[in-house]
N, C-alpha and C. Protein backbone atom coordinates (compact mmCIF):
# COMPACT_ATOMS: atom_id res chain seq x y z
N MET A 1 0.82 -1.20 0.00
CA MET A 1 0.00 0.00 0.00
C MET A 1 0.86 1.25 0.00
N LYS A 2 2.07 1.12 0.58
CA LYS A 2 2.95 2.28 0.64
C LYS A 2 3.33 2.73 -0.77
N ALA A 3 3.60 1.74 -1.64
CA ALA A 3 3.95 2.07 -3.02
C ALA A 3 2.78 2.75 -3.72
N LEU A 4 1.59 2.29 -3.42
CA LEU A 4 0.40 2.87 -4.03
C LEU A 4 0.21 4.32 -3.57
N ALA A 5 0.46 4.57 -2.29
CA ALA A 5 0.35 5.95 -1.77
C ALA A 5 1.38 6.85 -2.45
N THR A 6 2.57 6.31 -2.69
CA THR A 6 3.61 7.08 -3.38
C THR A 6 3.18 7.39 -4.81
N LEU A 7 2.60 6.40 -5.49
CA LEU A 7 2.11 6.62 -6.85
C LEU A 7 1.00 7.68 -6.87
N ILE A 8 0.14 7.63 -5.88
CA ILE A 8 -0.95 8.62 -5.82
C ILE A 8 -0.37 10.01 -5.62
N ARG A 9 0.60 10.16 -4.73
CA ARG A 9 1.23 11.47 -4.52
C ARG A 9 1.90 11.96 -5.80
N LEU A 10 2.61 11.06 -6.49
CA LEU A 10 3.28 11.42 -7.74
C LEU A 10 2.27 11.88 -8.78
N HIS A 11 1.20 11.12 -8.95
CA HIS A 11 0.21 11.47 -9.97
C HIS A 11 -0.59 12.72 -9.57
N THR A 12 -0.77 12.93 -8.28
CA THR A 12 -1.42 14.17 -7.83
C THR A 12 -0.55 15.37 -8.20
N HIS A 13 0.74 15.23 -7.98
CA HIS A 13 1.67 16.32 -8.32
C HIS A 13 1.66 16.56 -9.84
N GLN A 14 1.70 15.48 -10.61
CA GLN A 14 1.67 15.63 -12.07
C GLN A 14 0.36 16.27 -12.53
N LEU A 15 -0.74 15.89 -11.92
CA LEU A 15 -2.03 16.49 -12.26
C LEU A 15 -2.03 17.98 -11.94
N ASP A 16 -1.47 18.35 -10.79
CA ASP A 16 -1.40 19.77 -10.43
C ASP A 16 -0.57 20.55 -11.45
N GLU A 17 0.55 19.98 -11.89
CA GLU A 17 1.38 20.64 -12.90
C GLU A 17 0.61 20.82 -14.20
N LYS A 18 -0.11 19.80 -14.60
CA LYS A 18 -0.88 19.88 -15.85
C LYS A 18 -2.03 20.88 -15.72
N ARG A 19 -2.61 20.98 -14.54
CA ARG A 19 -3.66 21.98 -14.33
C ARG A 19 -3.09 23.39 -14.41
N ARG A 20 -1.89 23.58 -13.85
CA ARG A 20 -1.24 24.90 -13.95
C ARG A 20 -0.94 25.24 -15.41
N ALA A 21 -0.46 24.25 -16.16
CA ALA A 21 -0.18 24.47 -17.58
C ALA A 21 -1.47 24.82 -18.33
N LEU A 22 -2.56 24.16 -17.99
CA LEU A 22 -3.85 24.46 -18.62
C LEU A 22 -4.28 25.89 -18.28
N ALA A 23 -4.13 26.27 -17.03
CA ALA A 23 -4.51 27.63 -16.62
C ALA A 23 -3.68 28.67 -17.37
N GLN A 24 -2.39 28.40 -17.53
CA GLN A 24 -1.53 29.33 -18.27
C GLN A 24 -1.96 29.40 -19.74
N ALA A 25 -2.28 28.26 -20.33
CA ALA A 25 -2.72 28.25 -21.73
C ALA A 25 -4.03 29.03 -21.89
N GLN A 26 -4.93 28.85 -20.94
CA GLN A 26 -6.20 29.58 -21.00
C GLN A 26 -5.99 31.08 -20.79
N ASP A 27 -5.04 31.44 -19.93
CA ASP A 27 -4.72 32.86 -19.73
C ASP A 27 -4.16 33.48 -21.01
N ARG A 28 -3.24 32.76 -21.67
CA ARG A 28 -2.68 33.27 -22.93
C ARG A 28 -3.78 33.44 -23.98
N LEU A 29 -4.69 32.48 -24.03
CA LEU A 29 -5.80 32.56 -24.98
C LEU A 29 -6.69 33.75 -24.67
N GLU A 30 -6.99 33.96 -23.41
CA GLU A 30 -7.84 35.09 -23.03
C GLU A 30 -7.15 36.42 -23.35
N ARG A 31 -5.84 36.50 -23.13
CA ARG A 31 -5.12 37.74 -23.47
C ARG A 31 -5.17 38.00 -24.98
N ALA A 32 -5.05 36.96 -25.78
CA ALA A 32 -5.12 37.12 -27.23
C ALA A 32 -6.52 37.58 -27.64
N ARG A 33 -7.53 37.03 -27.01
CA ARG A 33 -8.90 37.46 -27.31
C ARG A 33 -9.11 38.91 -26.88
N ASP A 34 -8.51 39.30 -25.76
CA ASP A 34 -8.57 40.70 -25.33
C ASP A 34 -7.89 41.61 -26.35
N ASP A 35 -6.75 41.14 -26.88
CA ASP A 35 -6.05 41.92 -27.92
C ASP A 35 -6.96 42.14 -29.12
N LEU A 36 -7.68 41.10 -29.52
CA LEU A 36 -8.58 41.22 -30.67
C LEU A 36 -9.72 42.19 -30.36
N ARG A 37 -10.27 42.12 -29.16
CA ARG A 37 -11.35 43.05 -28.78
C ARG A 37 -10.83 44.50 -28.79
N ARG A 38 -9.63 44.69 -28.25
CA ARG A 38 -9.07 46.05 -28.23
C ARG A 38 -8.83 46.56 -29.65
N LEU A 39 -8.36 45.68 -30.53
CA LEU A 39 -8.15 46.08 -31.92
C LEU A 39 -9.48 46.47 -32.56
N GLU A 40 -10.52 45.70 -32.32
CA GLU A 40 -11.84 46.03 -32.88
C GLU A 40 -12.32 47.39 -32.37
N GLU A 41 -12.14 47.61 -31.06
CA GLU A 41 -12.53 48.90 -30.48
C GLU A 41 -11.71 50.04 -31.08
N GLU A 42 -10.42 49.78 -31.27
CA GLU A 42 -9.54 50.80 -31.85
C GLU A 42 -9.97 51.12 -33.28
N MET A 43 -10.35 50.10 -34.04
CA MET A 43 -10.78 50.31 -35.42
C MET A 43 -12.06 51.15 -35.47
N VAL A 44 -12.98 50.89 -34.55
CA VAL A 44 -14.22 51.68 -34.49
C VAL A 44 -13.88 53.13 -34.16
N ALA A 45 -12.98 53.33 -33.20
CA ALA A 45 -12.60 54.69 -32.81
C ALA A 45 -11.91 55.41 -33.97
N GLU A 46 -11.04 54.72 -34.68
CA GLU A 46 -10.34 55.33 -35.82
C GLU A 46 -11.33 55.68 -36.94
N LYS A 47 -12.30 54.83 -37.16
CA LYS A 47 -13.30 55.12 -38.20
C LYS A 47 -14.09 56.37 -37.83
N ARG A 48 -14.48 56.44 -36.56
CA ARG A 48 -15.22 57.62 -36.10
C ARG A 48 -14.34 58.87 -36.25
N GLN A 49 -13.07 58.74 -35.87
CA GLN A 49 -12.13 59.87 -35.98
C GLN A 49 -11.98 60.29 -37.45
N ALA A 50 -11.91 59.30 -38.35
CA ALA A 50 -11.72 59.61 -39.77
C ALA A 50 -12.93 60.34 -40.35
N THR A 51 -14.11 60.04 -39.86
CA THR A 51 -15.29 60.72 -40.38
C THR A 51 -15.43 62.12 -39.79
N GLU A 52 -14.88 62.32 -38.60
CA GLU A 52 -15.02 63.62 -37.93
C GLU A 52 -13.90 64.60 -38.30
N VAL A 53 -12.70 64.09 -38.51
CA VAL A 53 -11.55 64.96 -38.77
C VAL A 53 -11.00 64.63 -40.17
N TYR A 54 -10.93 65.66 -41.02
CA TYR A 54 -10.53 65.47 -42.41
C TYR A 54 -9.13 64.87 -42.52
N GLU A 55 -8.17 65.38 -41.75
CA GLU A 55 -6.79 64.90 -41.84
C GLU A 55 -6.68 63.42 -41.47
N SER A 56 -7.49 63.00 -40.54
CA SER A 56 -7.47 61.59 -40.14
C SER A 56 -8.00 60.71 -41.26
N GLY A 57 -8.92 61.24 -42.02
CA GLY A 57 -9.48 60.49 -43.14
C GLY A 57 -8.45 60.19 -44.21
N LEU A 58 -7.44 61.05 -44.32
CA LEU A 58 -6.41 60.85 -45.34
C LEU A 58 -5.56 59.61 -45.06
N THR A 59 -5.35 59.28 -43.79
CA THR A 59 -4.50 58.14 -43.43
C THR A 59 -5.31 56.91 -43.03
N TYR A 60 -6.61 57.04 -43.07
CA TYR A 60 -7.46 55.95 -42.59
C TYR A 60 -7.30 54.68 -43.43
N GLY A 61 -7.15 54.81 -44.72
CA GLY A 61 -6.99 53.64 -45.61
C GLY A 61 -5.77 52.81 -45.24
N ALA A 62 -4.66 53.48 -45.00
CA ALA A 62 -3.43 52.77 -44.60
C ALA A 62 -3.63 52.11 -43.23
N TYR A 63 -4.32 52.83 -42.35
CA TYR A 63 -4.57 52.28 -41.02
C TYR A 63 -5.41 51.00 -41.13
N VAL A 64 -6.45 51.03 -41.95
CA VAL A 64 -7.33 49.87 -42.10
C VAL A 64 -6.55 48.66 -42.61
N GLN A 65 -5.67 48.89 -43.58
CA GLN A 65 -4.86 47.78 -44.11
C GLN A 65 -3.98 47.17 -43.01
N ALA A 66 -3.33 48.04 -42.25
CA ALA A 66 -2.47 47.56 -41.16
C ALA A 66 -3.29 46.86 -40.08
N ALA A 67 -4.45 47.40 -39.78
CA ALA A 67 -5.31 46.81 -38.75
C ALA A 67 -5.82 45.44 -39.19
N LYS A 68 -6.14 45.30 -40.47
CA LYS A 68 -6.58 44.00 -40.98
C LYS A 68 -5.47 42.96 -40.86
N GLN A 69 -4.25 43.38 -41.14
CA GLN A 69 -3.11 42.46 -41.00
C GLN A 69 -2.93 42.05 -39.53
N ARG A 70 -3.04 43.03 -38.65
CA ARG A 70 -2.92 42.72 -37.22
C ARG A 70 -4.03 41.76 -36.79
N ARG A 71 -5.25 41.99 -37.29
CA ARG A 71 -6.37 41.11 -36.95
C ARG A 71 -6.09 39.68 -37.41
N LEU A 72 -5.58 39.54 -38.63
CA LEU A 72 -5.27 38.20 -39.13
C LEU A 72 -4.22 37.51 -38.26
N LEU A 73 -3.21 38.26 -37.86
CA LEU A 73 -2.17 37.69 -36.99
C LEU A 73 -2.75 37.28 -35.63
N ILE A 74 -3.57 38.13 -35.08
CA ILE A 74 -4.18 37.82 -33.77
C ILE A 74 -5.10 36.62 -33.89
N GLU A 75 -5.90 36.57 -34.95
CA GLU A 75 -6.80 35.43 -35.13
C GLU A 75 -6.03 34.13 -35.30
N ALA A 76 -4.91 34.19 -36.02
CA ALA A 76 -4.07 32.99 -36.17
C ALA A 76 -3.49 32.58 -34.82
N ARG A 77 -3.07 33.56 -34.04
CA ARG A 77 -2.54 33.26 -32.71
C ARG A 77 -3.63 32.66 -31.82
N ILE A 78 -4.84 33.19 -31.92
CA ILE A 78 -5.96 32.65 -31.14
C ILE A 78 -6.22 31.20 -31.53
N ALA A 79 -6.22 30.90 -32.82
CA ALA A 79 -6.45 29.53 -33.27
C ALA A 79 -5.37 28.59 -32.71
N GLN A 80 -4.13 29.05 -32.74
CA GLN A 80 -3.03 28.24 -32.21
C GLN A 80 -3.19 28.04 -30.70
N LEU A 81 -3.53 29.12 -30.00
CA LEU A 81 -3.69 29.03 -28.54
C LEU A 81 -4.89 28.17 -28.15
N GLU A 82 -5.93 28.18 -28.97
CA GLU A 82 -7.08 27.31 -28.71
C GLU A 82 -6.66 25.84 -28.80
N GLN A 83 -5.83 25.53 -29.80
CA GLN A 83 -5.33 24.16 -29.94
C GLN A 83 -4.46 23.78 -28.74
N GLU A 84 -3.61 24.70 -28.30
CA GLU A 84 -2.75 24.44 -27.15
C GLU A 84 -3.59 24.23 -25.89
N ALA A 85 -4.61 25.05 -25.71
CA ALA A 85 -5.48 24.90 -24.53
C ALA A 85 -6.24 23.58 -24.58
N LEU A 86 -6.69 23.20 -25.76
CA LEU A 86 -7.40 21.93 -25.90
C LEU A 86 -6.47 20.75 -25.60
N ALA A 87 -5.24 20.83 -26.09
CA ALA A 87 -4.26 19.77 -25.80
C ALA A 87 -3.95 19.71 -24.31
N ALA A 88 -3.83 20.87 -23.68
CA ALA A 88 -3.57 20.91 -22.23
C ALA A 88 -4.75 20.32 -21.47
N LEU A 89 -5.96 20.60 -21.91
CA LEU A 89 -7.15 20.04 -21.27
C LEU A 89 -7.16 18.51 -21.40
N GLU A 90 -6.78 18.02 -22.56
CA GLU A 90 -6.72 16.56 -22.76
C GLU A 90 -5.68 15.94 -21.83
N ARG A 91 -4.54 16.61 -21.65
CA ARG A 91 -3.51 16.09 -20.75
C ARG A 91 -4.02 16.07 -19.31
N VAL A 92 -4.77 17.10 -18.92
CA VAL A 92 -5.35 17.13 -17.57
C VAL A 92 -6.34 15.99 -17.41
N THR A 93 -7.17 15.78 -18.40
CA THR A 93 -8.17 14.71 -18.35
C THR A 93 -7.49 13.34 -18.20
N GLU A 94 -6.44 13.12 -18.99
CA GLU A 94 -5.71 11.85 -18.91
C GLU A 94 -5.05 11.68 -17.55
N ALA A 95 -4.44 12.74 -17.04
CA ALA A 95 -3.78 12.67 -15.73
C ALA A 95 -4.79 12.41 -14.63
N PHE A 96 -5.95 13.04 -14.73
CA PHE A 96 -7.00 12.84 -13.74
C PHE A 96 -7.49 11.39 -13.76
N ALA A 97 -7.69 10.85 -14.95
CA ALA A 97 -8.14 9.46 -15.08
C ALA A 97 -7.10 8.50 -14.48
N GLU A 98 -5.84 8.77 -14.75
CA GLU A 98 -4.77 7.93 -14.21
C GLU A 98 -4.75 8.00 -12.68
N LEU A 99 -4.86 9.20 -12.14
CA LEU A 99 -4.89 9.37 -10.68
C LEU A 99 -6.09 8.64 -10.08
N LYS A 100 -7.25 8.78 -10.70
CA LYS A 100 -8.45 8.13 -10.19
C LYS A 100 -8.28 6.61 -10.17
N LYS A 101 -7.61 6.08 -11.18
CA LYS A 101 -7.38 4.64 -11.24
C LYS A 101 -6.62 4.18 -9.99
N TYR A 102 -5.58 4.91 -9.63
CA TYR A 102 -4.79 4.56 -8.44
C TYR A 102 -5.59 4.76 -7.16
N GLU A 103 -6.37 5.84 -7.10
CA GLU A 103 -7.18 6.09 -5.90
C GLU A 103 -8.23 5.00 -5.71
N ILE A 104 -8.84 4.56 -6.80
CA ILE A 104 -9.84 3.50 -6.71
C ILE A 104 -9.19 2.19 -6.29
N THR A 105 -8.02 1.91 -6.85
CA THR A 105 -7.29 0.70 -6.46
C THR A 105 -6.96 0.73 -4.98
N LYS A 106 -6.51 1.88 -4.49
CA LYS A 106 -6.18 2.01 -3.06
C LYS A 106 -7.43 1.81 -2.21
N ALA A 107 -8.53 2.42 -2.60
CA ALA A 107 -9.78 2.27 -1.85
C ALA A 107 -10.23 0.81 -1.83
N ASN A 108 -10.10 0.12 -2.97
CA ASN A 108 -10.48 -1.29 -3.03
C ASN A 108 -9.60 -2.13 -2.13
N ARG A 109 -8.30 -1.85 -2.13
CA ARG A 109 -7.38 -2.61 -1.26
C ARG A 109 -7.68 -2.35 0.21
N GLU A 110 -7.98 -1.10 0.54
CA GLU A 110 -8.32 -0.78 1.93
C GLU A 110 -9.61 -1.49 2.34
N LYS A 111 -10.56 -1.53 1.44
CA LYS A 111 -11.83 -2.21 1.71
C LYS A 111 -11.59 -3.71 1.91
N GLN A 112 -10.77 -4.30 1.05
CA GLN A 112 -10.46 -5.73 1.17
C GLN A 112 -9.73 -6.01 2.48
N ALA A 113 -8.80 -5.14 2.86
CA ALA A 113 -8.07 -5.33 4.11
C ALA A 113 -9.02 -5.24 5.30
N LEU A 114 -9.95 -4.30 5.25
CA LEU A 114 -10.93 -4.16 6.33
C LEU A 114 -11.84 -5.39 6.40
N GLU A 115 -12.29 -5.86 5.25
CA GLU A 115 -13.13 -7.05 5.21
C GLU A 115 -12.38 -8.26 5.76
N GLU A 116 -11.11 -8.39 5.40
CA GLU A 116 -10.29 -9.49 5.91
C GLU A 116 -10.12 -9.39 7.42
N ALA A 117 -9.86 -8.18 7.91
CA ALA A 117 -9.71 -7.98 9.35
C ALA A 117 -11.02 -8.32 10.07
N ASN A 118 -12.13 -7.91 9.50
CA ASN A 118 -13.44 -8.23 10.09
C ASN A 118 -13.70 -9.73 10.07
N ARG A 119 -13.30 -10.39 9.00
CA ARG A 119 -13.48 -11.84 8.89
C ARG A 119 -12.66 -12.57 9.95
N VAL A 120 -11.40 -12.15 10.11
CA VAL A 120 -10.53 -12.76 11.12
C VAL A 120 -11.09 -12.51 12.51
N GLU A 121 -11.53 -11.29 12.77
CA GLU A 121 -12.10 -10.96 14.07
C GLU A 121 -13.35 -11.80 14.35
N GLN A 122 -14.19 -11.93 13.33
CA GLN A 122 -15.40 -12.73 13.50
C GLN A 122 -15.05 -14.20 13.75
N ALA A 123 -14.04 -14.71 13.07
CA ALA A 123 -13.61 -16.09 13.29
C ALA A 123 -13.12 -16.27 14.72
N LEU A 124 -12.36 -15.31 15.23
CA LEU A 124 -11.89 -15.37 16.62
C LEU A 124 -13.07 -15.33 17.59
N LEU A 125 -14.01 -14.44 17.34
CA LEU A 125 -15.19 -14.35 18.21
C LEU A 125 -16.00 -15.65 18.17
N ASP A 126 -16.13 -16.22 16.98
CA ASP A 126 -16.85 -17.49 16.85
C ASP A 126 -16.14 -18.59 17.64
N GLU A 127 -14.83 -18.63 17.53
CA GLU A 127 -14.04 -19.63 18.25
C GLU A 127 -14.19 -19.45 19.75
N MET A 128 -14.17 -18.19 20.21
CA MET A 128 -14.35 -17.92 21.64
C MET A 128 -15.75 -18.36 22.08
N GLY A 129 -16.73 -18.09 21.28
CA GLY A 129 -18.10 -18.48 21.61
C GLY A 129 -18.24 -19.99 21.69
N LEU A 130 -17.63 -20.71 20.73
CA LEU A 130 -17.68 -22.17 20.75
C LEU A 130 -16.97 -22.72 21.98
N ALA A 131 -15.82 -22.13 22.31
CA ALA A 131 -15.08 -22.58 23.50
C ALA A 131 -15.90 -22.38 24.76
N MET A 132 -16.56 -21.25 24.87
CA MET A 132 -17.40 -20.98 26.05
C MET A 132 -18.58 -21.96 26.09
N HIS A 133 -19.14 -22.24 24.95
CA HIS A 133 -20.27 -23.17 24.88
C HIS A 133 -19.83 -24.58 25.31
N ARG A 134 -18.65 -25.02 24.86
CA ARG A 134 -18.13 -26.33 25.24
C ARG A 134 -17.89 -26.40 26.74
N ARG A 135 -17.37 -25.32 27.31
CA ARG A 135 -17.11 -25.30 28.76
C ARG A 135 -18.41 -25.43 29.54
N LYS A 136 -19.44 -24.75 29.06
CA LYS A 136 -20.75 -24.85 29.73
C LYS A 136 -21.30 -26.27 29.63
N GLN A 137 -21.11 -26.88 28.48
CA GLN A 137 -21.61 -28.23 28.27
C GLN A 137 -20.86 -29.24 29.15
N GLU A 138 -19.59 -28.98 29.40
CA GLU A 138 -18.78 -29.89 30.20
C GLU A 138 -19.16 -29.84 31.67
N ARG A 139 -19.75 -28.81 32.15
CA ARG A 139 -20.12 -28.66 33.57
C ARG A 139 -21.27 -29.45 33.90
């Protein structure tokens, strides 16, 4: 059982590491999505500025081209980060399943040990009862 407890501690530690990696991947993904939202807000503000101020309208076309390129880069990064987060989630799921397997095995062994101890105790009690009964019969 000691080896099983060690395996459980090891797999718990590995699961914790994988959960931290998943959290980091999700944070990176959320930051990329925030970048995209900020870019969209910036584009709306620039469009409004271009319609209100003549000089801004002169450079708006170049800005739109650059903003579209930035959007494509951010969207590609988001797609990559989504894949990384999904892979991290799969690793967490696998690690959790592995840990559960060991925990269930440990629980089953503990249950079997308890049942065996109860069986031995009951056998001793039965033997004591029979011995007492024989003594009474002998009197």
